[in-house]
Amino acid sequence: MQRFATLLVALIIALGASTGASRAQQRPPNSVPLAFGMSADQASQSLGVPLNYVRGTPGNELFVALPNVRGSVLSRRSDGLYLQFGKGRLIAWKGDWGTLPQ
């Protein structure tokens, strides 16, 4: 009986972890995918989170977007997505919200 209870608890934890991770990776509804040429406002709307200024001159800034995973205790998302803008348009990004860190 104790072995069954232990197995049941492990199964519940595993299901909760996978559900929390998938929620953290979902895009907001009715949003377009991130694409080169977007403005900072369009990129922020696409990601569903505000962009935080890191450095750069007006029009040539580097921003970071931090994933919003509050409320998901089992999710370990804390990495940022860095977005480089040139002439006011998205020219590069670094980071991946599609995978969990190991």
N, C-alpha and C. Protein backbone atom coordinates (compact mmCIF):
# COMPACT_ATOMS: atom_id res chain seq x y z
N MET A 1 0.83 -1.20 0.00
CA MET A 1 0.00 0.00 0.00
C MET A 1 0.87 1.25 0.00
N GLN A 2 1.97 1.22 0.76
CA GLN A 2 2.84 2.38 0.81
C GLN A 2 3.53 2.60 -0.55
N ARG A 3 3.87 1.52 -1.21
CA ARG A 3 4.49 1.62 -2.54
C ARG A 3 3.51 2.28 -3.53
N PHE A 4 2.23 1.91 -3.46
CA PHE A 4 1.21 2.50 -4.32
C PHE A 4 1.07 3.99 -4.05
N ALA A 5 1.06 4.38 -2.79
CA ALA A 5 0.93 5.80 -2.43
C ALA A 5 2.13 6.60 -2.93
N THR A 6 3.32 6.03 -2.80
CA THR A 6 4.53 6.70 -3.28
C THR A 6 4.47 6.87 -4.79
N LEU A 7 4.05 5.85 -5.51
CA LEU A 7 3.93 5.91 -6.95
C LEU A 7 2.90 6.96 -7.37
N LEU A 8 1.78 7.01 -6.65
CA LEU A 8 0.74 7.99 -6.95
C LEU A 8 1.25 9.41 -6.77
N VAL A 9 1.97 9.68 -5.70
CA VAL A 9 2.52 11.01 -5.44
C VAL A 9 3.53 11.39 -6.52
N ALA A 10 4.39 10.46 -6.91
CA ALA A 10 5.38 10.73 -7.96
C ALA A 10 4.69 11.04 -9.28
N LEU A 11 3.63 10.33 -9.60
CA LEU A 11 2.89 10.57 -10.84
C LEU A 11 2.24 11.96 -10.83
N ILE A 12 1.66 12.33 -9.72
CA ILE A 12 1.03 13.65 -9.60
C ILE A 12 2.06 14.75 -9.77
N ILE A 13 3.22 14.60 -9.15
CA ILE A 13 4.29 15.61 -9.27
C ILE A 13 4.77 15.70 -10.71
N ALA A 14 4.95 14.57 -11.38
CA ALA A 14 5.41 14.56 -12.77
C ALA A 14 4.41 15.24 -13.68
N LEU A 15 3.13 14.96 -13.50
CA LEU A 15 2.11 15.60 -14.32
C LEU A 15 2.04 17.10 -14.06
N GLY A 16 2.18 17.51 -12.83
CA GLY A 16 2.16 18.93 -12.49
C GLY A 16 3.35 19.66 -13.07
N ALA A 17 4.52 19.05 -13.08
CA ALA A 17 5.72 19.68 -13.63
C ALA A 17 5.60 19.86 -15.13
N SER A 18 5.08 18.85 -15.83
CA SER A 18 4.96 18.99 -17.27
C SER A 18 3.89 20.00 -17.65
N THR A 19 2.81 20.09 -16.88
CA THR A 19 1.77 21.07 -17.14
C THR A 19 2.29 22.48 -16.90
N GLY A 20 3.04 22.70 -15.83
CA GLY A 20 3.59 24.02 -15.53
C GLY A 20 4.58 24.46 -16.59
N ALA A 21 5.40 23.54 -17.08
CA ALA A 21 6.38 23.88 -18.11
C ALA A 21 5.67 24.25 -19.41
N SER A 22 4.62 23.53 -19.77
CA SER A 22 3.94 23.84 -21.02
C SER A 22 3.21 25.17 -20.92
N ARG A 23 2.68 25.51 -19.75
CA ARG A 23 2.04 26.81 -19.59
C ARG A 23 3.05 27.94 -19.74
N ALA A 24 4.27 27.75 -19.26
CA ALA A 24 5.29 28.79 -19.33
C ALA A 24 5.73 29.04 -20.77
N GLN A 25 5.57 28.07 -21.67
CA GLN A 25 6.04 28.20 -23.03
C GLN A 25 4.96 28.65 -24.00
N GLN A 26 3.76 28.84 -23.56
CA GLN A 26 2.68 29.21 -24.46
C GLN A 26 2.70 30.70 -24.74
N ARG A 27 2.38 31.05 -25.98
CA ARG A 27 2.24 32.45 -26.36
C ARG A 27 0.87 32.94 -25.94
N PRO A 28 0.74 34.24 -25.69
CA PRO A 28 -0.58 34.77 -25.40
C PRO A 28 -1.52 34.55 -26.59
N PRO A 29 -2.81 34.38 -26.35
CA PRO A 29 -3.74 34.18 -27.46
C PRO A 29 -3.79 35.42 -28.35
N ASN A 30 -4.06 35.22 -29.61
CA ASN A 30 -4.18 36.29 -30.59
C ASN A 30 -2.90 37.09 -30.77
N SER A 31 -1.74 36.47 -30.60
CA SER A 31 -0.49 37.18 -30.83
C SER A 31 0.21 36.60 -32.04
N VAL A 32 1.05 37.42 -32.64
CA VAL A 32 1.82 36.97 -33.80
C VAL A 32 3.19 36.54 -33.32
N PRO A 33 3.85 35.61 -34.02
CA PRO A 33 5.18 35.18 -33.61
C PRO A 33 6.18 36.31 -33.74
N LEU A 34 7.22 36.25 -32.95
CA LEU A 34 8.30 37.22 -33.01
C LEU A 34 8.95 37.16 -34.39
N ALA A 35 9.20 38.34 -35.00
CA ALA A 35 9.77 38.36 -36.35
C ALA A 35 10.70 39.55 -36.50
N PHE A 36 11.68 39.39 -37.37
CA PHE A 36 12.58 40.50 -37.67
C PHE A 36 11.78 41.66 -38.27
N GLY A 37 12.20 42.89 -37.93
CA GLY A 37 11.54 44.08 -38.46
C GLY A 37 10.45 44.64 -37.57
N MET A 38 10.11 43.94 -36.49
CA MET A 38 9.09 44.45 -35.57
C MET A 38 9.62 45.65 -34.79
N SER A 39 8.71 46.52 -34.38
CA SER A 39 9.08 47.60 -33.48
C SER A 39 9.14 47.04 -32.05
N ALA A 40 9.64 47.83 -31.12
CA ALA A 40 9.72 47.38 -29.73
C ALA A 40 8.32 47.10 -29.17
N ASP A 41 7.35 47.94 -29.52
CA ASP A 41 5.98 47.73 -29.04
C ASP A 41 5.38 46.45 -29.61
N GLN A 42 5.62 46.19 -30.89
CA GLN A 42 5.10 44.97 -31.50
C GLN A 42 5.74 43.73 -30.89
N ALA A 43 7.05 43.79 -30.63
CA ALA A 43 7.74 42.65 -30.01
C ALA A 43 7.21 42.39 -28.61
N SER A 44 7.01 43.45 -27.85
CA SER A 44 6.48 43.32 -26.50
C SER A 44 5.09 42.69 -26.53
N GLN A 45 4.27 43.14 -27.47
CA GLN A 45 2.92 42.59 -27.60
C GLN A 45 2.97 41.12 -28.04
N SER A 46 3.88 40.79 -28.93
CA SER A 46 4.03 39.42 -29.40
C SER A 46 4.43 38.48 -28.28
N LEU A 47 5.35 38.93 -27.41
CA LEU A 47 5.83 38.10 -26.31
C LEU A 47 4.87 38.10 -25.12
N GLY A 48 4.05 39.13 -25.02
CA GLY A 48 3.11 39.21 -23.92
C GLY A 48 3.72 39.68 -22.61
N VAL A 49 4.92 40.26 -22.68
CA VAL A 49 5.59 40.80 -21.49
C VAL A 49 6.24 42.13 -21.86
N PRO A 50 6.44 43.01 -20.87
CA PRO A 50 7.12 44.28 -21.17
C PRO A 50 8.60 44.07 -21.46
N LEU A 51 9.18 44.97 -22.24
CA LEU A 51 10.61 44.93 -22.53
C LEU A 51 11.33 45.88 -21.57
N ASN A 52 12.45 45.43 -21.04
CA ASN A 52 13.24 46.23 -20.11
C ASN A 52 14.51 46.70 -20.80
N TYR A 53 14.76 48.02 -20.75
CA TYR A 53 15.92 48.61 -21.39
C TYR A 53 17.20 48.10 -20.73
N VAL A 54 18.20 47.73 -21.54
CA VAL A 54 19.50 47.30 -21.04
C VAL A 54 20.54 48.37 -21.36
N ARG A 55 20.68 48.71 -22.65
CA ARG A 55 21.64 49.75 -23.04
C ARG A 55 21.39 50.13 -24.49
N GLY A 56 22.07 51.20 -24.93
CA GLY A 56 22.00 51.61 -26.32
C GLY A 56 21.48 53.02 -26.50
N THR A 57 21.65 53.52 -27.70
CA THR A 57 21.17 54.86 -28.04
C THR A 57 19.77 54.74 -28.63
N PRO A 58 19.01 55.84 -28.63
CA PRO A 58 17.64 55.78 -29.17
C PRO A 58 17.61 55.19 -30.59
N GLY A 59 16.79 54.18 -30.78
CA GLY A 59 16.67 53.50 -32.06
C GLY A 59 17.59 52.29 -32.19
N ASN A 60 18.63 52.24 -31.38
CA ASN A 60 19.60 51.14 -31.43
C ASN A 60 19.77 50.53 -30.04
N GLU A 61 18.66 50.17 -29.42
CA GLU A 61 18.68 49.68 -28.05
C GLU A 61 18.76 48.16 -27.96
N LEU A 62 19.17 47.73 -26.78
CA LEU A 62 19.12 46.32 -26.40
C LEU A 62 18.13 46.23 -25.25
N PHE A 63 17.12 45.36 -25.40
CA PHE A 63 16.10 45.15 -24.38
C PHE A 63 16.16 43.69 -23.93
N VAL A 64 15.61 43.44 -22.75
CA VAL A 64 15.45 42.07 -22.28
C VAL A 64 13.99 41.88 -21.89
N ALA A 65 13.45 40.74 -22.28
CA ALA A 65 12.09 40.35 -21.91
C ALA A 65 12.20 39.16 -20.96
N LEU A 66 11.61 39.30 -19.79
CA LEU A 66 11.64 38.22 -18.80
C LEU A 66 10.31 37.48 -18.83
N PRO A 67 10.35 36.15 -18.90
CA PRO A 67 9.10 35.38 -18.98
C PRO A 67 8.29 35.52 -17.70
N ASN A 68 6.98 35.58 -17.85
CA ASN A 68 6.08 35.70 -16.71
C ASN A 68 5.59 34.30 -16.34
N VAL A 69 6.19 33.74 -15.28
CA VAL A 69 5.80 32.40 -14.84
C VAL A 69 5.33 32.40 -13.39
N ARG A 70 4.89 33.54 -12.92
CA ARG A 70 4.40 33.59 -11.54
C ARG A 70 3.19 32.68 -11.39
N GLY A 71 3.09 32.04 -10.27
CA GLY A 71 1.98 31.14 -10.01
C GLY A 71 2.25 29.71 -10.42
N SER A 72 3.35 29.49 -11.10
CA SER A 72 3.71 28.13 -11.50
C SER A 72 4.92 27.70 -10.68
N VAL A 73 4.67 27.09 -9.55
CA VAL A 73 5.73 26.74 -8.60
C VAL A 73 6.72 25.74 -9.18
N LEU A 74 6.25 24.84 -10.01
CA LEU A 74 7.11 23.78 -10.51
C LEU A 74 7.90 24.18 -11.77
N SER A 75 7.69 25.39 -12.27
CA SER A 75 8.40 25.83 -13.46
C SER A 75 9.65 26.59 -13.05
N ARG A 76 10.78 26.35 -13.79
CA ARG A 76 12.05 26.97 -13.44
C ARG A 76 12.49 27.97 -14.49
N ARG A 77 11.60 28.80 -15.01
CA ARG A 77 11.95 29.76 -16.05
C ARG A 77 12.44 31.05 -15.40
N SER A 78 13.70 31.41 -15.62
CA SER A 78 14.21 32.67 -15.10
C SER A 78 15.13 33.34 -16.10
N ASP A 79 15.32 32.71 -17.27
CA ASP A 79 16.21 33.29 -18.27
C ASP A 79 15.48 34.36 -19.06
N GLY A 80 16.23 35.32 -19.56
CA GLY A 80 15.65 36.40 -20.33
C GLY A 80 15.85 36.19 -21.82
N LEU A 81 15.02 36.86 -22.60
CA LEU A 81 15.16 36.88 -24.05
C LEU A 81 15.66 38.26 -24.41
N TYR A 82 16.88 38.35 -24.94
CA TYR A 82 17.50 39.63 -25.27
C TYR A 82 17.15 39.99 -26.71
N LEU A 83 16.68 41.22 -26.91
CA LEU A 83 16.27 41.68 -28.23
C LEU A 83 17.08 42.91 -28.63
N GLN A 84 17.73 42.84 -29.79
CA GLN A 84 18.53 43.95 -30.29
C GLN A 84 17.74 44.67 -31.38
N PHE A 85 17.63 46.00 -31.22
CA PHE A 85 16.93 46.82 -32.20
C PHE A 85 17.91 47.74 -32.90
N GLY A 86 17.74 47.91 -34.19
CA GLY A 86 18.54 48.82 -34.99
C GLY A 86 17.60 49.65 -35.84
N LYS A 87 17.77 50.96 -35.81
CA LYS A 87 16.88 51.89 -36.52
C LYS A 87 15.43 51.66 -36.13
N GLY A 88 15.22 51.30 -34.85
CA GLY A 88 13.87 51.12 -34.33
C GLY A 88 13.21 49.80 -34.69
N ARG A 89 13.93 48.89 -35.34
CA ARG A 89 13.36 47.61 -35.76
C ARG A 89 14.17 46.46 -35.18
N LEU A 90 13.49 45.34 -34.92
CA LEU A 90 14.14 44.16 -34.36
C LEU A 90 15.09 43.56 -35.39
N ILE A 91 16.38 43.45 -35.01
CA ILE A 91 17.37 42.89 -35.94
C ILE A 91 17.97 41.58 -35.42
N ALA A 92 17.83 41.30 -34.12
CA ALA A 92 18.39 40.06 -33.56
C ALA A 92 17.79 39.78 -32.20
N TRP A 93 17.80 38.51 -31.82
CA TRP A 93 17.45 38.15 -30.44
C TRP A 93 18.26 36.95 -30.03
N LYS A 94 18.44 36.82 -28.71
CA LYS A 94 19.22 35.71 -28.16
C LYS A 94 18.50 35.19 -26.93
N GLY A 95 18.38 33.89 -26.85
CA GLY A 95 17.67 33.26 -25.75
C GLY A 95 16.61 32.35 -26.33
N ASP A 96 16.12 31.43 -25.54
CA ASP A 96 15.15 30.48 -26.03
C ASP A 96 14.15 30.17 -24.93
N TRP A 97 12.91 30.57 -25.13
CA TRP A 97 11.87 30.26 -24.16
C TRP A 97 11.22 28.91 -24.47
N GLY A 98 11.67 28.24 -25.51
CA GLY A 98 11.05 26.99 -25.90
C GLY A 98 11.63 25.77 -25.20
N THR A 99 12.73 25.92 -24.46
CA THR A 99 13.32 24.79 -23.76
C THR A 99 13.55 25.15 -22.29
N LEU A 100 13.53 24.14 -21.45
CA LEU A 100 13.80 24.35 -20.03
C LEU A 100 15.28 24.14 -19.78
N PRO A 101 15.90 24.97 -18.91
CA PRO A 101 17.31 24.77 -18.58
C PRO A 101 17.51 23.46 -17.83
N GLN A 102 18.60 22.77 -18.08
CA GLN A 102 18.86 21.50 -17.43
C GLN A 102 19.69 21.68 -16.18
